[in-house]
Amino acid sequence: MKKLFISQPMRGKSDEDILAERKKAIELAQEMIGEPVEVIDSFFQEAPADAKPLWFPGKSLELLSGADVAYFAQGWEDARGCVIEHDSALAYGIKSIVA
């Protein structure tokens, strides 16, 4: 079973929208990979109240380091954190799926 990291723009989206997009990403990734995946939870619903913007990509990169596959949801190229995650996945040889 492959470990899946999902990178998606979240700014301005409701939790429901984010979770729905994640569900779709999981289904598409499993279809493309051809086997079930273990999802790395990178949706920080309980981030520290005083977290500075750089806290989020820092934590995401830590989680990305354990992934076999990274899925980049539509619009990733317009979100700073997603671009950092994408560049890191490429630099470190993590297989990527781009929606």
PDB file of N, CA and C in Angstrom:
ATOM      1  N   MET A   1       0.847  -1.175   0.000  1.00  0.00           N
ATOM      2  CA  MET A   1       0.000   0.000   0.000  1.00  0.00           C
ATOM      3  C   MET A   1       0.891   1.237   0.000  1.00  0.00           C
ATOM      4  N   LYS A   2       0.615   2.134  -0.931  1.00  0.00           N
ATOM      5  CA  LYS A   2       1.390   3.368  -1.064  1.00  0.00           C
ATOM      6  C   LYS A   2       0.864   4.438  -0.110  1.00  0.00           C
ATOM      7  N   LYS A   3       1.771   5.267   0.392  1.00  0.00           N
ATOM      8  CA  LYS A   3       1.396   6.408   1.229  1.00  0.00           C
ATOM      9  C   LYS A   3       1.202   7.619   0.319  1.00  0.00           C
ATOM     10  N   LEU A   4       0.027   8.251   0.440  1.00  0.00           N
ATOM     11  CA  LEU A   4      -0.357   9.350  -0.438  1.00  0.00           C
ATOM     12  C   LEU A   4      -0.397  10.671   0.321  1.00  0.00           C
ATOM     13  N   PHE A   5       0.308  11.660  -0.221  1.00  0.00           N
ATOM     14  CA  PHE A   5       0.270  13.031   0.287  1.00  0.00           C
ATOM     15  C   PHE A   5      -0.552  13.848  -0.695  1.00  0.00           C
ATOM     16  N   ILE A   6      -1.506  14.627  -0.186  1.00  0.00           N
ATOM     17  CA  ILE A   6      -2.348  15.456  -1.044  1.00  0.00           C
ATOM     18  C   ILE A   6      -1.998  16.915  -0.822  1.00  0.00           C
ATOM     19  N   SER A   7      -1.654  17.584  -1.913  1.00  0.00           N
ATOM     20  CA  SER A   7      -1.361  19.013  -1.892  1.00  0.00           C
ATOM     21  C   SER A   7      -2.505  19.714  -2.606  1.00  0.00           C
ATOM     22  N   GLN A   8      -3.139  20.652  -1.902  1.00  0.00           N
ATOM     23  CA  GLN A   8      -4.275  21.338  -2.501  1.00  0.00           C
ATOM     24  C   GLN A   8      -4.370  22.760  -1.977  1.00  0.00           C
ATOM     25  N   PRO A   9      -4.785  23.689  -2.836  1.00  0.00           N
ATOM     26  CA  PRO A   9      -5.029  25.048  -2.354  1.00  0.00           C
ATOM     27  C   PRO A   9      -6.188  25.023  -1.362  1.00  0.00           C
ATOM     28  N   MET A  10      -6.046  25.749  -0.258  1.00  0.00           N
ATOM     29  CA  MET A  10      -7.088  25.747   0.763  1.00  0.00           C
ATOM     30  C   MET A  10      -7.623  27.136   1.078  1.00  0.00           C
ATOM     31  N   ARG A  11      -6.891  28.162   0.718  1.00  0.00           N
ATOM     32  CA  ARG A  11      -7.302  29.530   1.039  1.00  0.00           C
ATOM     33  C   ARG A  11      -8.679  29.834   0.470  1.00  0.00           C
ATOM     34  N   GLY A  12      -9.566  30.320   1.329  1.00  0.00           N
ATOM     35  CA  GLY A  12     -10.894  30.727   0.909  1.00  0.00           C
ATOM     36  C   GLY A  12     -11.891  29.590   0.722  1.00  0.00           C
ATOM     37  N   LYS A  13     -11.496  28.357   1.042  1.00  0.00           N
ATOM     38  CA  LYS A  13     -12.390  27.212   0.884  1.00  0.00           C
ATOM     39  C   LYS A  13     -12.898  26.757   2.247  1.00  0.00           C
ATOM     40  N   SER A  14     -14.127  26.256   2.271  1.00  0.00           N
ATOM     41  CA  SER A  14     -14.681  25.711   3.511  1.00  0.00           C
ATOM     42  C   SER A  14     -14.064  24.342   3.790  1.00  0.00           C
ATOM     43  N   ASP A  15     -14.153  23.907   5.038  1.00  0.00           N
ATOM     44  CA  ASP A  15     -13.664  22.571   5.386  1.00  0.00           C
ATOM     45  C   ASP A  15     -14.363  21.508   4.544  1.00  0.00           C
ATOM     46  N   GLU A  16     -15.650  21.696   4.305  1.00  0.00           N
ATOM     47  CA  GLU A  16     -16.411  20.730   3.518  1.00  0.00           C
ATOM     48  C   GLU A  16     -15.873  20.645   2.087  1.00  0.00           C
ATOM     49  N   ASP A  17     -15.564  21.800   1.495  1.00  0.00           N
ATOM     50  CA  ASP A  17     -15.013  21.813   0.139  1.00  0.00           C
ATOM     51  C   ASP A  17     -13.652  21.127   0.090  1.00  0.00           C
ATOM     52  N   ILE A  18     -12.827  21.411   1.085  1.00  0.00           N
ATOM     53  CA  ILE A  18     -11.493  20.808   1.147  1.00  0.00           C
ATOM     54  C   ILE A  18     -11.601  19.298   1.275  1.00  0.00           C
ATOM     55  N   LEU A  19     -12.453  18.830   2.178  1.00  0.00           N
ATOM     56  CA  LEU A  19     -12.605  17.392   2.395  1.00  0.00           C
ATOM     57  C   LEU A  19     -13.197  16.697   1.171  1.00  0.00           C
ATOM     58  N   ALA A  20     -14.111  17.343   0.481  1.00  0.00           N
ATOM     59  CA  ALA A  20     -14.681  16.758  -0.741  1.00  0.00           C
ATOM     60  C   ALA A  20     -13.615  16.628  -1.827  1.00  0.00           C
ATOM     61  N   GLU A  21     -12.772  17.648  -1.947  1.00  0.00           N
ATOM     62  CA  GLU A  21     -11.697  17.601  -2.935  1.00  0.00           C
ATOM     63  C   GLU A  21     -10.687  16.507  -2.581  1.00  0.00           C
ATOM     64  N   ARG A  22     -10.417  16.327  -1.300  1.00  0.00           N
ATOM     65  CA  ARG A  22      -9.495  15.281  -0.864  1.00  0.00           C
ATOM     66  C   ARG A  22     -10.057  13.898  -1.197  1.00  0.00           C
ATOM     67  N   LYS A  23     -11.358  13.715  -0.982  1.00  0.00           N
ATOM     68  CA  LYS A  23     -11.985  12.427  -1.289  1.00  0.00           C
ATOM     69  C   LYS A  23     -11.824  12.101  -2.770  1.00  0.00           C
ATOM     70  N   LYS A  24     -12.060  13.092  -3.618  1.00  0.00           N
ATOM     71  CA  LYS A  24     -11.908  12.915  -5.061  1.00  0.00           C
ATOM     72  C   LYS A  24     -10.450  12.590  -5.413  1.00  0.00           C
ATOM     73  N   ALA A  25      -9.508  13.283  -4.768  1.00  0.00           N
ATOM     74  CA  ALA A  25      -8.078  13.041  -5.017  1.00  0.00           C
ATOM     75  C   ALA A  25      -7.696  11.615  -4.648  1.00  0.00           C
ATOM     76  N   ILE A  26      -8.217  11.129  -3.543  1.00  0.00           N
ATOM     77  CA  ILE A  26      -7.913   9.755  -3.107  1.00  0.00           C
ATOM     78  C   ILE A  26      -8.420   8.758  -4.130  1.00  0.00           C
ATOM     79  N   GLU A  27      -9.650   8.954  -4.583  1.00  0.00           N
ATOM     80  CA  GLU A  27     -10.227   8.045  -5.577  1.00  0.00           C
ATOM     81  C   GLU A  27      -9.415   8.047  -6.869  1.00  0.00           C
ATOM     82  N   LEU A  28      -9.051   9.233  -7.354  1.00  0.00           N
ATOM     83  CA  LEU A  28      -8.270   9.323  -8.590  1.00  0.00           C
ATOM     84  C   LEU A  28      -6.884   8.716  -8.425  1.00  0.00           C
ATOM     85  N   ALA A  29      -6.247   8.967  -7.298  1.00  0.00           N
ATOM     86  CA  ALA A  29      -4.903   8.422  -7.062  1.00  0.00           C
ATOM     87  C   ALA A  29      -4.945   6.897  -7.007  1.00  0.00           C
ATOM     88  N   GLN A  30      -5.926   6.345  -6.308  1.00  0.00           N
ATOM     89  CA  GLN A  30      -6.037   4.886  -6.227  1.00  0.00           C
ATOM     90  C   GLN A  30      -6.252   4.271  -7.606  1.00  0.00           C
ATOM     91  N   GLU A  31      -7.060   4.946  -8.406  1.00  0.00           N
ATOM     92  CA  GLU A  31      -7.314   4.470  -9.761  1.00  0.00           C
ATOM     93  C   GLU A  31      -6.028   4.502 -10.593  1.00  0.00           C
ATOM     94  N   MET A  32      -5.274   5.589 -10.480  1.00  0.00           N
ATOM     95  CA  MET A  32      -4.043   5.732 -11.267  1.00  0.00           C
ATOM     96  C   MET A  32      -2.940   4.788 -10.791  1.00  0.00           C
ATOM     97  N   ILE A  33      -2.850   4.592  -9.478  1.00  0.00           N
ATOM     98  CA  ILE A  33      -1.808   3.741  -8.903  1.00  0.00           C
ATOM     99  C   ILE A  33      -2.176   2.265  -9.055  1.00  0.00           C
ATOM    100  N   GLY A  34      -3.469   1.977  -9.014  1.00  0.00           N
ATOM    101  CA  GLY A  34      -3.925   0.605  -9.163  1.00  0.00           C
ATOM    102  C   GLY A  34      -3.975  -0.181  -7.873  1.00  0.00           C
ATOM    103  N   GLU A  35      -3.984   0.526  -6.753  1.00  0.00           N
ATOM    104  CA  GLU A  35      -4.084  -0.137  -5.451  1.00  0.00           C
ATOM    105  C   GLU A  35      -4.570   0.874  -4.408  1.00  0.00           C
ATOM    106  N   PRO A  36      -5.071   0.373  -3.285  1.00  0.00           N
ATOM    107  CA  PRO A  36      -5.495   1.289  -2.216  1.00  0.00           C
ATOM    108  C   PRO A  36      -4.301   2.096  -1.702  1.00  0.00           C
ATOM    109  N   VAL A  37      -4.597   3.261  -1.139  1.00  0.00           N
ATOM    110  CA  VAL A  37      -3.537   4.113  -0.593  1.00  0.00           C
ATOM    111  C   VAL A  37      -3.805   4.414   0.876  1.00  0.00           C
ATOM    112  N   GLU A  38      -2.733   4.687   1.574  1.00  0.00           N
ATOM    113  CA  GLU A  38      -2.822   5.185   2.947  1.00  0.00           C
ATOM    114  C   GLU A  38      -2.606   6.699   2.856  1.00  0.00           C
ATOM    115  N   VAL A  39      -3.591   7.469   3.285  1.00  0.00           N
ATOM    116  CA  VAL A  39      -3.534   8.916   3.147  1.00  0.00           C
ATOM    117  C   VAL A  39      -2.796   9.531   4.335  1.00  0.00           C
ATOM    118  N   ILE A  40      -1.825  10.360   4.018  1.00  0.00           N
ATOM    119  CA  ILE A  40      -1.116  11.131   5.032  1.00  0.00           C
ATOM    120  C   ILE A  40      -1.964  12.363   5.319  1.00  0.00           C
ATOM    121  N   ASP A  41      -2.385  12.547   6.554  1.00  0.00           N
ATOM    122  CA  ASP A  41      -3.291  13.650   6.889  1.00  0.00           C
ATOM    123  C   ASP A  41      -2.519  14.965   6.943  1.00  0.00           C
ATOM    124  N   SER A  42      -2.701  15.755   5.887  1.00  0.00           N
ATOM    125  CA  SER A  42      -2.008  17.045   5.802  1.00  0.00           C
ATOM    126  C   SER A  42      -2.995  18.217   5.834  1.00  0.00           C
ATOM    127  N   PHE A  43      -4.211  17.956   6.281  1.00  0.00           N
ATOM    128  CA  PHE A  43      -5.220  19.008   6.427  1.00  0.00           C
ATOM    129  C   PHE A  43      -5.233  19.403   7.902  1.00  0.00           C
ATOM    130  N   PHE A  44      -4.619  20.534   8.199  1.00  0.00           N
ATOM    131  CA  PHE A  44      -4.404  20.961   9.586  1.00  0.00           C
ATOM    132  C   PHE A  44      -5.599  21.740  10.114  1.00  0.00           C
ATOM    133  N   GLN A  45      -6.609  21.021  10.570  1.00  0.00           N
ATOM    134  CA  GLN A  45      -7.805  21.662  11.101  1.00  0.00           C
ATOM    135  C   GLN A  45      -7.557  22.259  12.487  1.00  0.00           C
ATOM    136  N   GLU A  46      -6.552  21.772  13.162  1.00  0.00           N
ATOM    137  CA  GLU A  46      -6.271  22.258  14.511  1.00  0.00           C
ATOM    138  C   GLU A  46      -4.857  22.827  14.601  1.00  0.00           C
ATOM    139  N   ALA A  47      -4.535  23.718  13.701  1.00  0.00           N
ATOM    140  CA  ALA A  47      -3.229  24.382  13.717  1.00  0.00           C
ATOM    141  C   ALA A  47      -3.165  25.315  14.928  1.00  0.00           C
ATOM    142  N   PRO A  48      -1.962  25.567  15.427  1.00  0.00           N
ATOM    143  CA  PRO A  48      -1.835  26.509  16.541  1.00  0.00           C
ATOM    144  C   PRO A  48      -2.443  27.865  16.174  1.00  0.00           C
ATOM    145  N   ALA A  49      -3.138  28.473  17.108  1.00  0.00           N
ATOM    146  CA  ALA A  49      -3.810  29.752  16.857  1.00  0.00           C
ATOM    147  C   ALA A  49      -2.830  30.830  16.416  1.00  0.00           C
ATOM    148  N   ASP A  50      -1.597  30.769  16.912  1.00  0.00           N
ATOM    149  CA  ASP A  50      -0.609  31.789  16.584  1.00  0.00           C
ATOM    150  C   ASP A  50       0.362  31.342  15.482  1.00  0.00           C
ATOM    151  N   ALA A  51      -0.020  30.306  14.725  1.00  0.00           N
ATOM    152  CA  ALA A  51       0.863  29.785  13.672  1.00  0.00           C
ATOM    153  C   ALA A  51       1.083  30.838  12.591  1.00  0.00           C
ATOM    154  N   LYS A  52       2.340  31.056  12.279  1.00  0.00           N
ATOM    155  CA  LYS A  52       2.688  31.975  11.188  1.00  0.00           C
ATOM    156  C   LYS A  52       2.561  31.224   9.868  1.00  0.00           C
ATOM    157  N   PRO A  53       2.390  31.946   8.762  1.00  0.00           N
ATOM    158  CA  PRO A  53       2.167  31.278   7.478  1.00  0.00           C
ATOM    159  C   PRO A  53       3.208  30.211   7.114  1.00  0.00           C
ATOM    160  N   LEU A  54       4.447  30.396   7.475  1.00  0.00           N
ATOM    161  CA  LEU A  54       5.491  29.432   7.117  1.00  0.00           C
ATOM    162  C   LEU A  54       5.380  28.127   7.914  1.00  0.00           C
ATOM    163  N   TRP A  55       4.629  28.141   9.010  1.00  0.00           N
ATOM    164  CA  TRP A  55       4.432  26.927   9.810  1.00  0.00           C
ATOM    165  C   TRP A  55       3.799  25.833   8.955  1.00  0.00           C
ATOM    166  N   PHE A  56       2.810  26.208   8.113  1.00  0.00           N
ATOM    167  CA  PHE A  56       2.055  25.231   7.335  1.00  0.00           C
ATOM    168  C   PHE A  56       2.913  24.474   6.322  1.00  0.00           C
ATOM    169  N   PRO A  57       3.673  25.166   5.447  1.00  0.00           N
ATOM    170  CA  PRO A  57       4.511  24.386   4.524  1.00  0.00           C
ATOM    171  C   PRO A  57       5.628  23.630   5.241  1.00  0.00           C
ATOM    172  N   GLY A  58       6.098  24.161   6.364  1.00  0.00           N
ATOM    173  CA  GLY A  58       7.116  23.443   7.125  1.00  0.00           C
ATOM    174  C   GLY A  58       6.591  22.104   7.613  1.00  0.00           C
ATOM    175  N   LYS A  59       5.401  22.112   8.174  1.00  0.00           N
ATOM    176  CA  LYS A  59       4.774  20.880   8.650  1.00  0.00           C
ATOM    177  C   LYS A  59       4.453  19.960   7.472  1.00  0.00           C
ATOM    178  N   SER A  60       3.984  20.551   6.365  1.00  0.00           N
ATOM    179  CA  SER A  60       3.653  19.756   5.178  1.00  0.00           C
ATOM    180  C   SER A  60       4.874  19.036   4.621  1.00  0.00           C
ATOM    181  N   LEU A  61       6.013  19.713   4.582  1.00  0.00           N
ATOM    182  CA  LEU A  61       7.230  19.073   4.065  1.00  0.00           C
ATOM    183  C   LEU A  61       7.648  17.903   4.941  1.00  0.00           C
ATOM    184  N   GLU A  62       7.468  18.047   6.229  1.00  0.00           N
ATOM    185  CA  GLU A  62       7.764  16.937   7.150  1.00  0.00           C
ATOM    186  C   GLU A  62       6.898  15.727   6.796  1.00  0.00           C
ATOM    187  N   LEU A  63       5.617  15.953   6.539  1.00  0.00           N
ATOM    188  CA  LEU A  63       4.716  14.864   6.174  1.00  0.00           C
ATOM    189  C   LEU A  63       5.020  14.318   4.784  1.00  0.00           C
ATOM    190  N   LEU A  64       5.326  15.202   3.849  1.00  0.00           N
ATOM    191  CA  LEU A  64       5.659  14.800   2.485  1.00  0.00           C
ATOM    192  C   LEU A  64       6.853  13.843   2.468  1.00  0.00           C
ATOM    193  N   SER A  65       7.760  14.008   3.404  1.00  0.00           N
ATOM    194  CA  SER A  65       8.953  13.162   3.433  1.00  0.00           C
ATOM    195  C   SER A  65       8.621  11.685   3.602  1.00  0.00           C
ATOM    196  N   GLY A  66       7.434  11.365   4.110  1.00  0.00           N
ATOM    197  CA  GLY A  66       7.036   9.971   4.296  1.00  0.00           C
ATOM    198  C   GLY A  66       6.170   9.424   3.180  1.00  0.00           C
ATOM    199  N   ALA A  67       5.957  10.209   2.124  1.00  0.00           N
ATOM    200  CA  ALA A  67       5.052   9.807   1.042  1.00  0.00           C
ATOM    201  C   ALA A  67       5.746   9.006  -0.047  1.00  0.00           C
ATOM    202  N   ASP A  68       4.980   8.098  -0.632  1.00  0.00           N
ATOM    203  CA  ASP A  68       5.421   7.390  -1.827  1.00  0.00           C
ATOM    204  C   ASP A  68       4.955   8.135  -3.077  1.00  0.00           C
ATOM    205  N   VAL A  69       3.787   8.790  -2.944  1.00  0.00           N
ATOM    206  CA  VAL A  69       3.153   9.493  -4.057  1.00  0.00           C
ATOM    207  C   VAL A  69       2.564  10.794  -3.534  1.00  0.00           C
ATOM    208  N   ALA A  70       2.685  11.861  -4.322  1.00  0.00           N
ATOM    209  CA  ALA A  70       2.071  13.148  -3.982  1.00  0.00           C
ATOM    210  C   ALA A  70       1.068  13.499  -5.068  1.00  0.00           C
ATOM    211  N   TYR A  71      -0.129  13.873  -4.652  1.00  0.00           N
ATOM    212  CA  TYR A  71      -1.188  14.278  -5.574  1.00  0.00           C
ATOM    213  C   TYR A  71      -1.342  15.789  -5.476  1.00  0.00           C
ATOM    214  N   PHE A  72      -1.266  16.474  -6.605  1.00  0.00           N
ATOM    215  CA  PHE A  72      -1.391  17.929  -6.636  1.00  0.00           C
ATOM    216  C   PHE A  72      -2.724  18.294  -7.285  1.00  0.00           C
ATOM    217  N   ALA A  73      -3.622  18.827  -6.460  1.00  0.00           N
ATOM    218  CA  ALA A  73      -4.972  19.150  -6.898  1.00  0.00           C
ATOM    219  C   ALA A  73      -4.977  20.381  -7.805  1.00  0.00           C
ATOM    220  N   GLN A  74      -6.039  20.505  -8.562  1.00  0.00           N
ATOM    221  CA  GLN A  74      -6.195  21.621  -9.482  1.00  0.00           C
ATOM    222  C   GLN A  74      -5.960  22.949  -8.759  1.00  0.00           C
ATOM    223  N   GLY A  75      -5.184  23.817  -9.395  1.00  0.00           N
ATOM    224  CA  GLY A  75      -4.872  25.126  -8.842  1.00  0.00           C
ATOM    225  C   GLY A  75      -3.620  25.153  -7.984  1.00  0.00           C
ATOM    226  N   TRP A  76      -2.920  24.028  -7.857  1.00  0.00           N
ATOM    227  CA  TRP A  76      -1.738  23.964  -6.997  1.00  0.00           C
ATOM    228  C   TRP A  76      -0.689  24.991  -7.402  1.00  0.00           C
ATOM    229  N   GLU A  77      -0.575  25.235  -8.726  1.00  0.00           N
ATOM    230  CA  GLU A  77       0.484  26.114  -9.217  1.00  0.00           C
ATOM    231  C   GLU A  77       0.281  27.577  -8.820  1.00  0.00           C
ATOM    232  N   ASP A  78      -0.891  27.910  -8.288  1.00  0.00           N
ATOM    233  CA  ASP A  78      -1.177  29.280  -7.853  1.00  0.00           C
ATOM    234  C   ASP A  78      -1.121  29.451  -6.334  1.00  0.00           C
ATOM    235  N   ALA A  79      -0.739  28.406  -5.623  1.00  0.00           N
ATOM    236  CA  ALA A  79      -0.675  28.458  -4.156  1.00  0.00           C
ATOM    237  C   ALA A  79       0.777  28.269  -3.708  1.00  0.00           C
ATOM    238  N   ARG A  80       1.307  29.242  -2.976  1.00  0.00           N
ATOM    239  CA  ARG A  80       2.720  29.209  -2.563  1.00  0.00           C
ATOM    240  C   ARG A  80       3.113  27.890  -1.904  1.00  0.00           C
ATOM    241  N   GLY A  81       2.313  27.435  -0.947  1.00  0.00           N
ATOM    242  CA  GLY A  81       2.648  26.201  -0.237  1.00  0.00           C
ATOM    243  C   GLY A  81       2.672  24.998  -1.151  1.00  0.00           C
ATOM    244  N   CYS A  82       1.708  24.923  -2.056  1.00  0.00           N
ATOM    245  CA  CYS A  82       1.649  23.801  -2.995  1.00  0.00           C
ATOM    246  C   CYS A  82       2.850  23.805  -3.936  1.00  0.00           C
ATOM    247  N   VAL A  83       3.276  24.984  -4.370  1.00  0.00           N
ATOM    248  CA  VAL A  83       4.454  25.084  -5.242  1.00  0.00           C
ATOM    249  C   VAL A  83       5.690  24.571  -4.503  1.00  0.00           C
ATOM    250  N   ILE A  84       5.829  24.941  -3.244  1.00  0.00           N
ATOM    251  CA  ILE A  84       6.957  24.463  -2.438  1.00  0.00           C
ATOM    252  C   ILE A  84       6.905  22.936  -2.322  1.00  0.00           C
ATOM    253  N   GLU A  85       5.718  22.397  -2.064  1.00  0.00           N
ATOM    254  CA  GLU A  85       5.557  20.944  -1.949  1.00  0.00           C
ATOM    255  C   GLU A  85       5.877  20.261  -3.273  1.00  0.00           C
ATOM    256  N   HIS A  86       5.413  20.818  -4.378  1.00  0.00           N
ATOM    257  CA  HIS A  86       5.661  20.246  -5.701  1.00  0.00           C
ATOM    258  C   HIS A  86       7.155  20.234  -6.023  1.00  0.00           C
ATOM    259  N   ASP A  87       7.807  21.370  -5.813  1.00  0.00           N
ATOM    260  CA  ASP A  87       9.241  21.458  -6.088  1.00  0.00           C
ATOM    261  C   ASP A  87      10.021  20.479  -5.224  1.00  0.00           C
ATOM    262  N   SER A  88       9.605  20.327  -3.984  1.00  0.00           N
ATOM    263  CA  SER A  88      10.282  19.393  -3.072  1.00  0.00           C
ATOM    264  C   SER A  88      10.068  17.950  -3.505  1.00  0.00           C
ATOM    265  N   ALA A  89       8.844  17.611  -3.904  1.00  0.00           N
ATOM    266  CA  ALA A  89       8.571  16.249  -4.374  1.00  0.00           C
ATOM    267  C   ALA A  89       9.445  15.922  -5.584  1.00  0.00           C
ATOM    268  N   LEU A  90       9.549  16.855  -6.523  1.00  0.00           N
ATOM    269  CA  LEU A  90      10.393  16.634  -7.695  1.00  0.00           C
ATOM    270  C   LEU A  90      11.858  16.481  -7.314  1.00  0.00           C
ATOM    271  N   ALA A  91      12.328  17.380  -6.451  1.00  0.00           N
ATOM    272  CA  ALA A  91      13.740  17.377  -6.054  1.00  0.00           C
ATOM    273  C   ALA A  91      14.130  16.100  -5.317  1.00  0.00           C
ATOM    274  N   TYR A  92      13.173  15.510  -4.607  1.00  0.00           N
ATOM    275  CA  TYR A  92      13.497  14.340  -3.794  1.00  0.00           C
ATOM    276  C   TYR A  92      12.931  13.039  -4.368  1.00  0.00           C
ATOM    277  N   GLY A  93      12.488  13.075  -5.611  1.00  0.00           N
ATOM    278  CA  GLY A  93      12.104  11.854  -6.307  1.00  0.00           C
ATOM    279  C   GLY A  93      10.800  11.217  -5.843  1.00  0.00           C
ATOM    280  N   ILE A  94       9.889  11.996  -5.317  1.00  0.00           N
ATOM    281  CA  ILE A  94       8.592  11.466  -4.922  1.00  0.00           C
ATOM    282  C   ILE A  94       7.674  11.522  -6.143  1.00  0.00           C
ATOM    283  N   LYS A  95       7.127  10.370  -6.512  1.00  0.00           N
ATOM    284  CA  LYS A  95       6.243  10.294  -7.678  1.00  0.00           C
ATOM    285  C   LYS A  95       5.102  11.290  -7.495  1.00  0.00           C
ATOM    286  N   SER A  96       4.769  12.018  -8.553  1.00  0.00           N
ATOM    287  CA  SER A  96       3.734  13.034  -8.484  1.00  0.00           C
ATOM    288  C   SER A  96       2.619  12.785  -9.484  1.00  0.00           C
ATOM    289  N   ILE A  97       1.412  13.074  -9.022  1.00  0.00           N
ATOM    290  CA  ILE A  97       0.231  13.061  -9.875  1.00  0.00           C
ATOM    291  C   ILE A  97      -0.287  14.491  -9.891  1.00  0.00           C
ATOM    292  N   VAL A  98      -0.432  15.061 -11.075  1.00  0.00           N
ATOM    293  CA  VAL A  98      -0.900  16.442 -11.201  1.00  0.00           C
ATOM    294  C   VAL A  98      -2.275  16.431 -11.846  1.00  0.00           C
ATOM    295  N   ALA A  99      -3.246  17.022 -11.138  1.00  0.00           N
ATOM    296  CA  ALA A  99      -4.628  17.072 -11.663  1.00  0.00           C
ATOM    297  C   ALA A  99      -4.747  18.154 -12.711  1.00  0.00           C
TER     298      ALA A  99
END
